[in-house]
Amino acid sequence: MTLEERVAALERRLDTLAEQGGRDGDPGGRRPTDGDFWALEGLKAQLAEHGAAQGGVLFTGSVRLPTHDRYDWQYALPTEALLDVEERWTEAAESFAALGHPVRMRLLREILAGRRTVAELTALDGIGTTGQAYHHLRQLTAAGWLHNPGRARYEVPPGRVVPLLVALAAARP
């Protein structure tokens, strides 16, 4: 078989995989169908109803954590509200900066999994000393990713659970 024939055969195989939905990065192994865009279609209808000419963004989730806590949440904004307000970008940079450390991300994951006290968190490998853990916890609390209800306990506020998971999904290569 010539090189051209091999390339053509490979292209046919890739086309077949794409038709079957076996795309890289799609853990479900399928392509969205028209019915899979119900949230997008609903957003478009809402935006048209409110005259949002530039469109908008919607993120939503129904989450059940390993702790059996359940969070249902959605948030939508017109594009103009995102692009036109410089302060929103500055605040977002500070919020994302708090997520920009592997230990902080690990702390968030462990807290969502049910380890909520400083003692439980510092007992984990790789978290560091109690002082280091408190430093990271303060950063996350200041950025709004954590709440401290007292007694060295931390929790992700209900209104931040789905956004945190959306940010994690958006960071996926």
C-alpha atoms as a PDB file:
ATOM      1  CA  MET A   1       0.000   0.000   0.000  1.00  0.00           C
ATOM      2  CA  THR A   2       1.371   3.406  -0.946  1.00  0.00           C
ATOM      3  CA  LEU A   3       1.709   6.268   1.486  1.00  0.00           C
ATOM      4  CA  GLU A   4      -1.201   8.093  -0.179  1.00  0.00           C
ATOM      5  CA  GLU A   5      -3.442   5.029   0.187  1.00  0.00           C
ATOM      6  CA  ARG A   6      -2.468   4.656   3.842  1.00  0.00           C
ATOM      7  CA  VAL A   7      -3.230   8.328   4.548  1.00  0.00           C
ATOM      8  CA  ALA A   8      -6.594   8.043   2.762  1.00  0.00           C
ATOM      9  CA  ALA A   9      -7.451   4.909   4.789  1.00  0.00           C
ATOM     10  CA  LEU A  10      -6.477   6.677   7.996  1.00  0.00           C
ATOM     11  CA  GLU A  11      -8.638   9.685   7.087  1.00  0.00           C
ATOM     12  CA  ARG A  12     -11.615   7.366   6.441  1.00  0.00           C
ATOM     13  CA  ARG A  13     -11.115   5.733   9.842  1.00  0.00           C
ATOM     14  CA  LEU A  14     -10.940   9.158  11.553  1.00  0.00           C
ATOM     15  CA  ASP A  15     -14.129  10.257   9.782  1.00  0.00           C
ATOM     16  CA  THR A  16     -15.872   7.074  10.953  1.00  0.00           C
ATOM     17  CA  LEU A  17     -14.728   7.648  14.545  1.00  0.00           C
ATOM     18  CA  ALA A  18     -15.908  11.251  14.411  1.00  0.00           C
ATOM     19  CA  GLU A  19     -19.323  10.158  13.105  1.00  0.00           C
ATOM     20  CA  GLN A  20     -19.585   7.665  15.972  1.00  0.00           C
ATOM     21  CA  GLY A  21     -18.723  10.395  18.464  1.00  0.00           C
ATOM     22  CA  GLY A  22     -15.365   9.047  19.630  1.00  0.00           C
ATOM     23  CA  ARG A  23     -13.805  12.478  19.967  1.00  0.00           C
ATOM     24  CA  ASP A  24     -10.814  13.198  22.126  1.00  0.00           C
ATOM     25  CA  GLY A  25     -11.790  14.944  25.329  1.00  0.00           C
ATOM     26  CA  ASP A  26     -15.400  13.721  25.320  1.00  0.00           C
ATOM     27  CA  PRO A  27     -15.640  11.303  28.246  1.00  0.00           C
ATOM     28  CA  GLY A  28     -19.114  10.244  27.144  1.00  0.00           C
ATOM     29  CA  GLY A  29     -17.745   9.181  23.772  1.00  0.00           C
ATOM     30  CA  ARG A  30     -20.635  10.772  21.848  1.00  0.00           C
ATOM     31  CA  ARG A  31     -21.479  13.932  19.956  1.00  0.00           C
ATOM     32  CA  PRO A  32     -24.253  16.184  21.158  1.00  0.00           C
ATOM     33  CA  THR A  33     -27.536  15.771  19.324  1.00  0.00           C
ATOM     34  CA  ASP A  34     -30.047  18.526  18.678  1.00  0.00           C
ATOM     35  CA  GLY A  35     -31.829  17.663  21.936  1.00  0.00           C
ATOM     36  CA  ASP A  36     -28.582  18.050  23.874  1.00  0.00           C
ATOM     37  CA  PHE A  37     -28.643  21.805  23.305  1.00  0.00           C
ATOM     38  CA  TRP A  38     -31.841  22.430  25.261  1.00  0.00           C
ATOM     39  CA  ALA A  39     -30.043  24.710  27.728  1.00  0.00           C
ATOM     40  CA  LEU A  40     -28.437  26.672  24.887  1.00  0.00           C
ATOM     41  CA  GLU A  41     -31.738  27.005  23.054  1.00  0.00           C
ATOM     42  CA  GLY A  42     -33.407  28.178  26.271  1.00  0.00           C
ATOM     43  CA  LEU A  43     -30.659  30.759  26.778  1.00  0.00           C
ATOM     44  CA  LYS A  44     -31.036  32.019  23.215  1.00  0.00           C
ATOM     45  CA  ALA A  45     -34.790  32.397  23.705  1.00  0.00           C
ATOM     46  CA  GLN A  46     -34.294  34.322  26.970  1.00  0.00           C
ATOM     47  CA  LEU A  47     -31.680  36.581  25.396  1.00  0.00           C
ATOM     48  CA  ALA A  48     -33.912  37.313  22.408  1.00  0.00           C
ATOM     49  CA  GLU A  49     -36.812  38.088  24.751  1.00  0.00           C
ATOM     50  CA  HIS A  50     -34.652  40.588  26.652  1.00  0.00           C
ATOM     51  CA  GLY A  51     -32.981  42.079  23.565  1.00  0.00           C
ATOM     52  CA  ALA A  52     -29.441  40.954  24.365  1.00  0.00           C
ATOM     53  CA  ALA A  53     -27.991  41.465  20.898  1.00  0.00           C
ATOM     54  CA  GLN A  54     -24.493  40.190  21.671  1.00  0.00           C
ATOM     55  CA  GLY A  55     -25.674  36.932  23.207  1.00  0.00           C
ATOM     56  CA  GLY A  56     -24.777  35.612  26.606  1.00  0.00           C
ATOM     57  CA  VAL A  57     -23.318  32.896  28.773  1.00  0.00           C
ATOM     58  CA  LEU A  58     -25.099  30.291  30.876  1.00  0.00           C
ATOM     59  CA  PHE A  59     -23.647  27.755  33.235  1.00  0.00           C
ATOM     60  CA  THR A  60     -25.664  25.353  35.257  1.00  0.00           C
ATOM     61  CA  GLY A  61     -25.288  22.178  37.228  1.00  0.00           C
ATOM     62  CA  SER A  62     -27.001  19.621  39.375  1.00  0.00           C
ATOM     63  CA  VAL A  63     -24.321  18.184  41.627  1.00  0.00           C
ATOM     64  CA  ARG A  64     -24.310  15.472  44.254  1.00  0.00           C
ATOM     65  CA  LEU A  65     -21.057  15.364  46.191  1.00  0.00           C
ATOM     66  CA  PRO A  66     -19.482  12.323  47.887  1.00  0.00           C
ATOM     67  CA  THR A  67     -20.894  13.790  51.127  1.00  0.00           C
ATOM     68  CA  HIS A  68     -24.389  13.361  49.597  1.00  0.00           C
ATOM     69  CA  ASP A  69     -24.876  17.131  49.636  1.00  0.00           C
ATOM     70  CA  ARG A  70     -26.800  18.224  46.566  1.00  0.00           C
ATOM     71  CA  TYR A  71     -26.520  21.543  44.748  1.00  0.00           C
ATOM     72  CA  ASP A  72     -28.712  22.746  41.888  1.00  0.00           C
ATOM     73  CA  TRP A  73     -27.549  25.997  40.418  1.00  0.00           C
ATOM     74  CA  GLN A  74     -27.558  28.134  37.289  1.00  0.00           C
ATOM     75  CA  TYR A  75     -26.300  31.547  36.303  1.00  0.00           C
ATOM     76  CA  ALA A  76     -26.635  33.529  33.106  1.00  0.00           C
ATOM     77  CA  LEU A  77     -25.304  36.892  32.002  1.00  0.00           C
ATOM     78  CA  PRO A  78     -25.551  38.792  28.743  1.00  0.00           C
ATOM     79  CA  THR A  79     -22.248  39.212  26.948  1.00  0.00           C
ATOM     80  CA  GLU A  80     -22.354  42.969  27.439  1.00  0.00           C
ATOM     81  CA  ALA A  81     -22.392  42.535  31.222  1.00  0.00           C
ATOM     82  CA  LEU A  82     -19.251  40.432  31.007  1.00  0.00           C
ATOM     83  CA  LEU A  83     -17.258  42.489  28.535  1.00  0.00           C
ATOM     84  CA  ASP A  84     -18.180  46.024  29.547  1.00  0.00           C
ATOM     85  CA  VAL A  85     -17.399  45.998  33.263  1.00  0.00           C
ATOM     86  CA  GLU A  86     -13.652  46.280  33.889  1.00  0.00           C
ATOM     87  CA  GLU A  87     -14.063  45.627  37.630  1.00  0.00           C
ATOM     88  CA  ARG A  88     -15.557  42.204  36.839  1.00  0.00           C
ATOM     89  CA  TRP A  89     -12.308  41.264  35.070  1.00  0.00           C
ATOM     90  CA  THR A  90     -10.181  42.495  37.979  1.00  0.00           C
ATOM     91  CA  GLU A  91     -12.288  40.575  40.503  1.00  0.00           C
ATOM     92  CA  ALA A  92     -12.115  37.480  38.302  1.00  0.00           C
ATOM     93  CA  ALA A  93      -8.319  37.698  38.179  1.00  0.00           C
ATOM     94  CA  GLU A  94      -8.170  37.737  41.972  1.00  0.00           C
ATOM     95  CA  SER A  95     -10.601  34.835  42.203  1.00  0.00           C
ATOM     96  CA  PHE A  96      -8.690  32.778  39.634  1.00  0.00           C
ATOM     97  CA  ALA A  97      -5.395  33.619  41.331  1.00  0.00           C
ATOM     98  CA  ALA A  98      -6.693  31.995  44.507  1.00  0.00           C
ATOM     99  CA  LEU A  99      -7.275  28.817  42.485  1.00  0.00           C
ATOM    100  CA  GLY A 100      -3.818  29.016  40.941  1.00  0.00           C
ATOM    101  CA  HIS A 101      -2.002  26.842  43.453  1.00  0.00           C
ATOM    102  CA  PRO A 102      -2.095  23.014  43.470  1.00  0.00           C
ATOM    103  CA  VAL A 103      -2.427  22.860  47.277  1.00  0.00           C
ATOM    104  CA  ARG A 104      -5.447  25.181  47.181  1.00  0.00           C
ATOM    105  CA  MET A 105      -7.093  23.072  44.520  1.00  0.00           C
ATOM    106  CA  ARG A 106      -6.416  19.981  46.588  1.00  0.00           C
ATOM    107  CA  LEU A 107      -7.903  21.652  49.665  1.00  0.00           C
ATOM    108  CA  LEU A 108     -11.059  22.492  47.733  1.00  0.00           C
ATOM    109  CA  ARG A 109     -11.345  18.932  46.434  1.00  0.00           C
ATOM    110  CA  GLU A 110     -10.873  17.478  49.906  1.00  0.00           C
ATOM    111  CA  ILE A 111     -13.389  19.888  51.436  1.00  0.00           C
ATOM    112  CA  LEU A 112     -15.960  18.960  48.789  1.00  0.00           C
ATOM    113  CA  ALA A 113     -15.253  15.309  49.628  1.00  0.00           C
ATOM    114  CA  GLY A 114     -16.104  15.930  53.289  1.00  0.00           C
ATOM    115  CA  ARG A 115     -12.800  16.713  54.998  1.00  0.00           C
ATOM    116  CA  ARG A 116     -13.713  20.066  56.460  1.00  0.00           C
ATOM    117  CA  THR A 117     -11.610  20.627  59.566  1.00  0.00           C
ATOM    118  CA  VAL A 118      -8.072  21.928  59.587  1.00  0.00           C
ATOM    119  CA  ALA A 119      -7.011  18.807  61.503  1.00  0.00           C
ATOM    120  CA  GLU A 120      -8.423  16.542  58.770  1.00  0.00           C
ATOM    121  CA  LEU A 121      -6.847  18.631  56.034  1.00  0.00           C
ATOM    122  CA  THR A 122      -3.374  18.935  57.563  1.00  0.00           C
ATOM    123  CA  ALA A 123      -3.296  15.178  58.153  1.00  0.00           C
ATOM    124  CA  LEU A 124      -3.202  14.695  54.379  1.00  0.00           C
ATOM    125  CA  ASP A 125       0.129  14.287  52.600  1.00  0.00           C
ATOM    126  CA  GLY A 126       1.255  17.298  50.605  1.00  0.00           C
ATOM    127  CA  ILE A 127      -0.813  19.953  52.390  1.00  0.00           C
ATOM    128  CA  GLY A 128       2.097  21.225  54.455  1.00  0.00           C
ATOM    129  CA  THR A 129       2.209  22.555  57.976  1.00  0.00           C
ATOM    130  CA  THR A 130      -0.804  23.904  59.827  1.00  0.00           C
ATOM    131  CA  GLY A 131       0.470  27.434  59.180  1.00  0.00           C
ATOM    132  CA  GLN A 132       0.800  26.761  55.456  1.00  0.00           C
ATOM    133  CA  ALA A 133      -2.665  25.220  55.351  1.00  0.00           C
ATOM    134  CA  TYR A 134      -4.161  28.254  57.096  1.00  0.00           C
ATOM    135  CA  HIS A 135      -2.401  30.529  54.600  1.00  0.00           C
ATOM    136  CA  HIS A 136      -4.027  28.690  51.675  1.00  0.00           C
ATOM    137  CA  LEU A 137      -7.395  28.516  53.432  1.00  0.00           C
ATOM    138  CA  ARG A 138      -7.300  32.281  54.048  1.00  0.00           C
ATOM    139  CA  GLN A 139      -6.563  32.913  50.370  1.00  0.00           C
ATOM    140  CA  LEU A 140      -9.503  30.769  49.304  1.00  0.00           C
ATOM    141  CA  THR A 141     -11.784  32.365  51.889  1.00  0.00           C
ATOM    142  CA  ALA A 142     -10.810  35.902  50.858  1.00  0.00           C
ATOM    143  CA  ALA A 143     -11.634  35.048  47.233  1.00  0.00           C
ATOM    144  CA  GLY A 144     -15.011  33.609  48.225  1.00  0.00           C
ATOM    145  CA  TRP A 145     -14.235  29.990  47.360  1.00  0.00           C
ATOM    146  CA  LEU A 146     -14.511  28.961  51.020  1.00  0.00           C
ATOM    147  CA  HIS A 147     -16.560  29.919  54.035  1.00  0.00           C
ATOM    148  CA  ASN A 148     -15.434  29.475  57.631  1.00  0.00           C
ATOM    149  CA  PRO A 149     -18.469  28.828  59.846  1.00  0.00           C
ATOM    150  CA  GLY A 150     -16.141  28.570  62.872  1.00  0.00           C
ATOM    151  CA  ARG A 151     -14.211  25.993  64.886  1.00  0.00           C
ATOM    152  CA  ALA A 152     -11.508  25.606  62.219  1.00  0.00           C
ATOM    153  CA  ARG A 153     -14.100  24.200  59.793  1.00  0.00           C
ATOM    154  CA  TYR A 154     -14.352  25.153  56.161  1.00  0.00           C
ATOM    155  CA  GLU A 155     -16.952  24.627  53.479  1.00  0.00           C
ATOM    156  CA  VAL A 156     -17.454  25.671  49.889  1.00  0.00           C
ATOM    157  CA  PRO A 157     -20.428  28.058  49.876  1.00  0.00           C
ATOM    158  CA  PRO A 158     -23.429  26.528  48.069  1.00  0.00           C
ATOM    159  CA  GLY A 159     -23.363  29.244  45.394  1.00  0.00           C
ATOM    160  CA  ARG A 160     -19.729  28.430  44.585  1.00  0.00           C
ATOM    161  CA  VAL A 161     -19.886  24.627  44.208  1.00  0.00           C
ATOM    162  CA  VAL A 162     -21.121  24.548  40.617  1.00  0.00           C
ATOM    163  CA  PRO A 163     -18.987  27.559  39.525  1.00  0.00           C
ATOM    164  CA  LEU A 164     -15.919  25.823  40.958  1.00  0.00           C
ATOM    165  CA  LEU A 165     -16.691  22.678  38.998  1.00  0.00           C
ATOM    166  CA  VAL A 166     -17.397  24.764  35.869  1.00  0.00           C
ATOM    167  CA  ALA A 167     -14.004  26.484  36.271  1.00  0.00           C
ATOM    168  CA  LEU A 168     -12.375  23.072  36.663  1.00  0.00           C
ATOM    169  CA  ALA A 169     -14.148  21.775  33.547  1.00  0.00           C
ATOM    170  CA  ALA A 170     -13.227  24.941  31.596  1.00  0.00           C
ATOM    171  CA  ALA A 171      -9.554  24.515  32.520  1.00  0.00           C
ATOM    172  CA  ARG A 172      -9.520  21.080  30.932  1.00  0.00           C
ATOM    173  CA  PRO A 173      -7.110  20.978  27.984  1.00  0.00           C
END
